[in-house]
Amino acid sequence: IKIFTDLRGWKEGHSLVLKIYKITQRFPKEEQFGLTSQLRRAAVSITSNIAEGFSRHSYKEKVRFYYMALGSITEVQNQLLVARDLKYILKEEFGQQALRTVDVHKMLNGLIKASKTHY
């Protein structure tokens, strides 16, 4: 793996980001600076922290950024629940994205575990 885009966790996270952007386009206009913005920022934060962690030289620093990405994925999970409960997204669509967040979460845990073995 030579660049962060080679990481499976980043690839799946990026796919999630793109889907979140599509989903939030349908949110009510009054949510533009609320849930829409929060959900998008949290989703982008996942892949941004993976990328930043990848570029760090010490494994301890890498893990710190990967943990931040975990926090962001959990934030996305919560915000998707809110969107579902407000009926901004269909239950089926929520289910698909919720599963995707679980997959990304697992990949991040694997990345953290692998990085921790080096320090």
N, C-alpha and C. Protein backbone atom coordinates (compact mmCIF):
# COMPACT_ATOMS: atom_id res chain seq x y z
N ILE A 1 0.87 -1.18 0.00
CA ILE A 1 0.00 0.00 0.00
C ILE A 1 0.90 1.23 0.00
N LYS A 2 0.77 2.02 -1.05
CA LYS A 2 1.66 3.17 -1.21
C LYS A 2 0.99 4.51 -0.93
N ILE A 3 -0.33 4.56 -1.05
CA ILE A 3 -1.06 5.80 -0.85
C ILE A 3 -2.37 5.49 -0.13
N PHE A 4 -2.87 6.46 0.60
CA PHE A 4 -4.06 6.22 1.42
C PHE A 4 -5.25 5.71 0.62
N THR A 5 -5.33 6.06 -0.66
CA THR A 5 -6.47 5.61 -1.47
C THR A 5 -6.41 4.11 -1.76
N ASP A 6 -5.27 3.47 -1.44
CA ASP A 6 -5.16 2.02 -1.58
C ASP A 6 -5.81 1.28 -0.40
N LEU A 7 -6.04 1.99 0.69
CA LEU A 7 -6.63 1.36 1.88
C LEU A 7 -8.10 1.03 1.64
N ARG A 8 -8.47 -0.19 1.95
CA ARG A 8 -9.86 -0.61 1.76
C ARG A 8 -10.82 0.23 2.62
N GLY A 9 -10.40 0.57 3.82
CA GLY A 9 -11.23 1.40 4.69
C GLY A 9 -11.49 2.78 4.10
N TRP A 10 -10.46 3.34 3.46
CA TRP A 10 -10.64 4.65 2.81
C TRP A 10 -11.60 4.51 1.63
N LYS A 11 -11.42 3.46 0.82
CA LYS A 11 -12.28 3.26 -0.35
C LYS A 11 -13.74 3.13 0.05
N GLU A 12 -14.01 2.31 1.06
CA GLU A 12 -15.39 2.13 1.53
C GLU A 12 -15.92 3.41 2.16
N GLY A 13 -15.06 4.11 2.89
CA GLY A 13 -15.45 5.39 3.48
C GLY A 13 -15.78 6.42 2.41
N HIS A 14 -15.00 6.43 1.35
CA HIS A 14 -15.23 7.37 0.25
C HIS A 14 -16.57 7.08 -0.44
N SER A 15 -16.85 5.82 -0.62
CA SER A 15 -18.13 5.41 -1.20
C SER A 15 -19.28 5.87 -0.31
N LEU A 16 -19.10 5.76 1.00
CA LEU A 16 -20.10 6.24 1.96
C LEU A 16 -20.29 7.74 1.84
N VAL A 17 -19.19 8.48 1.74
CA VAL A 17 -19.27 9.94 1.60
C VAL A 17 -20.12 10.32 0.38
N LEU A 18 -19.84 9.68 -0.75
CA LEU A 18 -20.58 9.99 -1.97
C LEU A 18 -22.07 9.69 -1.81
N LYS A 19 -22.38 8.59 -1.14
CA LYS A 19 -23.79 8.24 -0.91
C LYS A 19 -24.45 9.23 0.04
N ILE A 20 -23.74 9.65 1.07
CA ILE A 20 -24.27 10.63 2.02
C ILE A 20 -24.60 11.94 1.29
N TYR A 21 -23.73 12.36 0.39
CA TYR A 21 -24.00 13.58 -0.37
C TYR A 21 -25.27 13.44 -1.21
N LYS A 22 -25.45 12.28 -1.83
CA LYS A 22 -26.66 12.06 -2.64
C LYS A 22 -27.91 12.05 -1.78
N ILE A 23 -27.83 11.37 -0.64
CA ILE A 23 -28.97 11.28 0.26
C ILE A 23 -29.36 12.66 0.78
N THR A 24 -28.37 13.43 1.20
CA THR A 24 -28.67 14.72 1.83
C THR A 24 -29.15 15.77 0.82
N GLN A 25 -28.96 15.53 -0.46
CA GLN A 25 -29.52 16.44 -1.46
C GLN A 25 -31.04 16.49 -1.37
N ARG A 26 -31.64 15.43 -0.87
CA ARG A 26 -33.10 15.35 -0.77
C ARG A 26 -33.64 15.85 0.57
N PHE A 27 -32.76 16.21 1.49
CA PHE A 27 -33.22 16.71 2.78
C PHE A 27 -33.91 18.06 2.58
N PRO A 28 -34.81 18.41 3.51
CA PRO A 28 -35.49 19.72 3.40
C PRO A 28 -34.48 20.87 3.41
N LYS A 29 -34.81 21.93 2.71
CA LYS A 29 -33.93 23.11 2.62
C LYS A 29 -33.59 23.68 4.00
N GLU A 30 -34.53 23.60 4.94
CA GLU A 30 -34.27 24.17 6.27
C GLU A 30 -33.19 23.38 7.03
N GLU A 31 -32.82 22.21 6.52
CA GLU A 31 -31.75 21.42 7.13
C GLU A 31 -30.39 21.70 6.53
N GLN A 32 -30.33 22.61 5.56
CA GLN A 32 -29.07 22.88 4.86
C GLN A 32 -27.92 23.19 5.81
N PHE A 33 -28.20 23.99 6.84
CA PHE A 33 -27.14 24.35 7.78
C PHE A 33 -27.23 23.55 9.08
N GLY A 34 -28.11 22.57 9.09
CA GLY A 34 -28.27 21.71 10.25
C GLY A 34 -27.78 20.31 9.95
N LEU A 35 -28.72 19.38 9.87
CA LEU A 35 -28.39 17.97 9.71
C LEU A 35 -27.63 17.68 8.41
N THR A 36 -28.01 18.35 7.33
CA THR A 36 -27.31 18.13 6.05
C THR A 36 -25.82 18.43 6.20
N SER A 37 -25.52 19.60 6.73
CA SER A 37 -24.13 20.02 6.89
C SER A 37 -23.39 19.12 7.87
N GLN A 38 -24.02 18.79 8.98
CA GLN A 38 -23.37 17.94 9.99
C GLN A 38 -23.04 16.55 9.44
N LEU A 39 -24.01 15.98 8.74
CA LEU A 39 -23.82 14.64 8.20
C LEU A 39 -22.71 14.62 7.15
N ARG A 40 -22.71 15.61 6.29
CA ARG A 40 -21.67 15.68 5.26
C ARG A 40 -20.29 15.88 5.88
N ARG A 41 -20.19 16.79 6.84
CA ARG A 41 -18.89 17.05 7.46
C ARG A 41 -18.37 15.82 8.20
N ALA A 42 -19.26 15.14 8.91
CA ALA A 42 -18.84 13.93 9.64
C ALA A 42 -18.37 12.85 8.67
N ALA A 43 -19.09 12.69 7.56
CA ALA A 43 -18.71 11.66 6.58
C ALA A 43 -17.36 11.97 5.96
N VAL A 44 -17.16 13.22 5.56
CA VAL A 44 -15.88 13.61 4.96
C VAL A 44 -14.74 13.48 5.98
N SER A 45 -15.06 13.72 7.24
CA SER A 45 -14.06 13.61 8.29
C SER A 45 -13.51 12.20 8.42
N ILE A 46 -14.32 11.21 8.11
CA ILE A 46 -13.86 9.81 8.18
C ILE A 46 -12.66 9.62 7.26
N THR A 47 -12.85 9.93 5.99
CA THR A 47 -11.79 9.70 5.01
C THR A 47 -10.64 10.68 5.17
N SER A 48 -10.95 11.89 5.62
CA SER A 48 -9.88 12.88 5.84
C SER A 48 -8.94 12.42 6.95
N ASN A 49 -9.51 11.87 8.02
CA ASN A 49 -8.67 11.39 9.12
C ASN A 49 -7.89 10.14 8.75
N ILE A 50 -8.48 9.28 7.93
CA ILE A 50 -7.73 8.12 7.44
C ILE A 50 -6.54 8.60 6.61
N ALA A 51 -6.80 9.54 5.72
CA ALA A 51 -5.72 10.06 4.87
C ALA A 51 -4.63 10.72 5.70
N GLU A 52 -5.04 11.54 6.67
CA GLU A 52 -4.03 12.21 7.49
C GLU A 52 -3.25 11.22 8.33
N GLY A 53 -3.93 10.23 8.90
CA GLY A 53 -3.25 9.22 9.68
C GLY A 53 -2.24 8.44 8.85
N PHE A 54 -2.64 8.13 7.63
CA PHE A 54 -1.76 7.37 6.74
C PHE A 54 -0.44 8.11 6.50
N SER A 55 -0.50 9.43 6.45
CA SER A 55 0.71 10.21 6.13
C SER A 55 1.62 10.43 7.34
N ARG A 56 1.14 10.09 8.53
CA ARG A 56 1.96 10.28 9.73
C ARG A 56 3.07 9.24 9.79
N HIS A 57 4.19 9.63 10.37
CA HIS A 57 5.35 8.73 10.39
C HIS A 57 5.37 7.80 11.59
N SER A 58 4.85 8.24 12.71
CA SER A 58 4.84 7.33 13.86
C SER A 58 3.50 6.60 13.92
N TYR A 59 3.57 5.36 14.32
CA TYR A 59 2.36 4.55 14.40
C TYR A 59 1.41 5.08 15.46
N LYS A 60 1.97 5.67 16.50
CA LYS A 60 1.13 6.26 17.55
C LYS A 60 0.28 7.40 16.98
N GLU A 61 0.89 8.23 16.15
CA GLU A 61 0.15 9.33 15.50
C GLU A 61 -0.88 8.78 14.52
N LYS A 62 -0.51 7.76 13.77
CA LYS A 62 -1.45 7.14 12.83
C LYS A 62 -2.71 6.70 13.55
N VAL A 63 -2.51 5.98 14.66
CA VAL A 63 -3.63 5.44 15.43
C VAL A 63 -4.52 6.57 15.96
N ARG A 64 -3.92 7.67 16.36
CA ARG A 64 -4.70 8.80 16.87
C ARG A 64 -5.69 9.29 15.81
N PHE A 65 -5.25 9.40 14.57
CA PHE A 65 -6.13 9.86 13.50
C PHE A 65 -7.16 8.79 13.12
N TYR A 66 -6.76 7.53 13.18
CA TYR A 66 -7.71 6.46 12.89
C TYR A 66 -8.81 6.42 13.95
N TYR A 67 -8.45 6.73 15.20
CA TYR A 67 -9.48 6.82 16.24
C TYR A 67 -10.42 8.00 15.99
N MET A 68 -9.89 9.10 15.49
CA MET A 68 -10.77 10.22 15.16
C MET A 68 -11.74 9.83 14.05
N ALA A 69 -11.26 9.05 13.09
CA ALA A 69 -12.13 8.56 12.02
C ALA A 69 -13.23 7.67 12.60
N LEU A 70 -12.90 6.87 13.61
CA LEU A 70 -13.91 6.04 14.28
C LEU A 70 -14.98 6.91 14.94
N GLY A 71 -14.54 7.99 15.55
CA GLY A 71 -15.51 8.92 16.15
C GLY A 71 -16.44 9.50 15.10
N SER A 72 -15.89 9.81 13.95
CA SER A 72 -16.69 10.38 12.86
C SER A 72 -17.68 9.37 12.31
N ILE A 73 -17.28 8.12 12.19
CA ILE A 73 -18.21 7.10 11.67
C ILE A 73 -19.35 6.90 12.65
N THR A 74 -19.06 6.97 13.93
CA THR A 74 -20.11 6.84 14.94
C THR A 74 -21.06 8.04 14.88
N GLU A 75 -20.51 9.21 14.64
CA GLU A 75 -21.32 10.41 14.47
C GLU A 75 -22.26 10.25 13.26
N VAL A 76 -21.76 9.72 12.17
CA VAL A 76 -22.59 9.47 10.98
C VAL A 76 -23.70 8.49 11.31
N GLN A 77 -23.37 7.45 12.06
CA GLN A 77 -24.38 6.47 12.44
C GLN A 77 -25.52 7.14 13.22
N ASN A 78 -25.17 8.00 14.15
CA ASN A 78 -26.18 8.71 14.94
C ASN A 78 -27.02 9.63 14.06
N GLN A 79 -26.38 10.36 13.18
CA GLN A 79 -27.09 11.31 12.34
C GLN A 79 -28.00 10.61 11.33
N LEU A 80 -27.60 9.44 10.87
CA LEU A 80 -28.48 8.65 10.00
C LEU A 80 -29.73 8.21 10.76
N LEU A 81 -29.57 7.86 12.03
CA LEU A 81 -30.73 7.51 12.86
C LEU A 81 -31.69 8.70 12.97
N VAL A 82 -31.15 9.87 13.18
CA VAL A 82 -31.98 11.08 13.27
C VAL A 82 -32.72 11.31 11.95
N ALA A 83 -31.99 11.20 10.84
CA ALA A 83 -32.60 11.39 9.52
C ALA A 83 -33.70 10.36 9.27
N ARG A 84 -33.47 9.13 9.67
CA ARG A 84 -34.50 8.10 9.52
C ARG A 84 -35.73 8.42 10.34
N ASP A 85 -35.50 8.80 11.59
CA ASP A 85 -36.63 9.07 12.49
C ASP A 85 -37.42 10.31 12.07
N LEU A 86 -36.75 11.25 11.40
CA LEU A 86 -37.44 12.43 10.87
C LEU A 86 -38.07 12.14 9.50
N LYS A 87 -37.87 10.90 9.03
CA LYS A 87 -38.39 10.45 7.73
C LYS A 87 -37.78 11.21 6.55
N TYR A 88 -36.52 11.61 6.70
CA TYR A 88 -35.78 12.22 5.60
C TYR A 88 -35.21 11.15 4.67
N ILE A 89 -35.03 9.95 5.22
CA ILE A 89 -34.58 8.82 4.40
C ILE A 89 -35.49 7.63 4.69
N LEU A 90 -35.63 6.77 3.72
CA LEU A 90 -36.45 5.57 3.87
C LEU A 90 -35.73 4.57 4.76
N LYS A 91 -36.49 3.73 5.43
CA LYS A 91 -35.90 2.72 6.31
C LYS A 91 -34.95 1.80 5.56
N GLU A 92 -35.31 1.42 4.34
CA GLU A 92 -34.45 0.53 3.55
C GLU A 92 -33.11 1.21 3.23
N GLU A 93 -33.19 2.47 2.84
CA GLU A 93 -31.97 3.22 2.53
C GLU A 93 -31.12 3.40 3.80
N PHE A 94 -31.80 3.66 4.91
CA PHE A 94 -31.10 3.76 6.18
C PHE A 94 -30.37 2.45 6.47
N GLY A 95 -31.07 1.32 6.29
CA GLY A 95 -30.48 0.02 6.58
C GLY A 95 -29.22 -0.24 5.76
N GLN A 96 -29.28 0.12 4.49
CA GLN A 96 -28.11 -0.08 3.61
C GLN A 96 -26.93 0.75 4.09
N GLN A 97 -27.18 2.01 4.41
CA GLN A 97 -26.08 2.88 4.83
C GLN A 97 -25.59 2.54 6.23
N ALA A 98 -26.50 2.10 7.09
CA ALA A 98 -26.09 1.67 8.43
C ALA A 98 -25.14 0.48 8.33
N LEU A 99 -25.45 -0.47 7.46
CA LEU A 99 -24.54 -1.61 7.25
C LEU A 99 -23.20 -1.15 6.71
N ARG A 100 -23.23 -0.19 5.82
CA ARG A 100 -21.98 0.34 5.25
C ARG A 100 -21.13 0.98 6.36
N THR A 101 -21.77 1.69 7.28
CA THR A 101 -21.01 2.32 8.37
C THR A 101 -20.40 1.26 9.28
N VAL A 102 -21.11 0.17 9.49
CA VAL A 102 -20.57 -0.92 10.32
C VAL A 102 -19.34 -1.53 9.64
N ASP A 103 -19.41 -1.71 8.32
CA ASP A 103 -18.26 -2.25 7.59
C ASP A 103 -17.05 -1.33 7.70
N VAL A 104 -17.26 -0.03 7.52
CA VAL A 104 -16.16 0.93 7.62
C VAL A 104 -15.59 0.92 9.04
N HIS A 105 -16.47 0.85 10.03
CA HIS A 105 -16.05 0.79 11.43
C HIS A 105 -15.14 -0.41 11.67
N LYS A 106 -15.53 -1.57 11.14
CA LYS A 106 -14.71 -2.79 11.29
C LYS A 106 -13.35 -2.62 10.61
N MET A 107 -13.35 -2.03 9.43
CA MET A 107 -12.09 -1.83 8.70
C MET A 107 -11.16 -0.89 9.48
N LEU A 108 -11.74 0.14 10.06
CA LEU A 108 -10.94 1.07 10.87
C LEU A 108 -10.36 0.36 12.09
N ASN A 109 -11.17 -0.47 12.74
CA ASN A 109 -10.65 -1.23 13.88
C ASN A 109 -9.49 -2.12 13.46
N GLY A 110 -9.58 -2.71 12.28
CA GLY A 110 -8.48 -3.53 11.77
C GLY A 110 -7.24 -2.71 11.51
N LEU A 111 -7.42 -1.52 10.96
CA LEU A 111 -6.31 -0.62 10.69
C LEU A 111 -5.63 -0.18 11.99
N ILE A 112 -6.44 0.09 12.99
CA ILE A 112 -5.92 0.48 14.31
C ILE A 112 -5.13 -0.68 14.91
N LYS A 113 -5.71 -1.87 14.87
CA LYS A 113 -5.05 -3.05 15.44
C LYS A 113 -3.71 -3.31 14.74
N ALA A 114 -3.72 -3.22 13.41
CA ALA A 114 -2.48 -3.46 12.67
C ALA A 114 -1.42 -2.40 12.98
N SER A 115 -1.86 -1.16 13.13
CA SER A 115 -0.92 -0.08 13.43
C SER A 115 -0.36 -0.20 14.85
N LYS A 116 -1.19 -0.64 15.77
CA LYS A 116 -0.77 -0.77 17.17
C LYS A 116 0.31 -1.83 17.34
N THR A 117 0.34 -2.80 16.46
CA THR A 117 1.36 -3.85 16.60
C THR A 117 2.75 -3.32 16.31
N HIS A 118 2.83 -2.12 15.74
CA HIS A 118 4.13 -1.55 15.38
C HIS A 118 4.70 -0.59 16.43
N TYR A 119 3.90 -0.28 17.46
CA TYR A 119 4.48 0.59 18.51
C TYR A 119 4.30 0.04 19.88
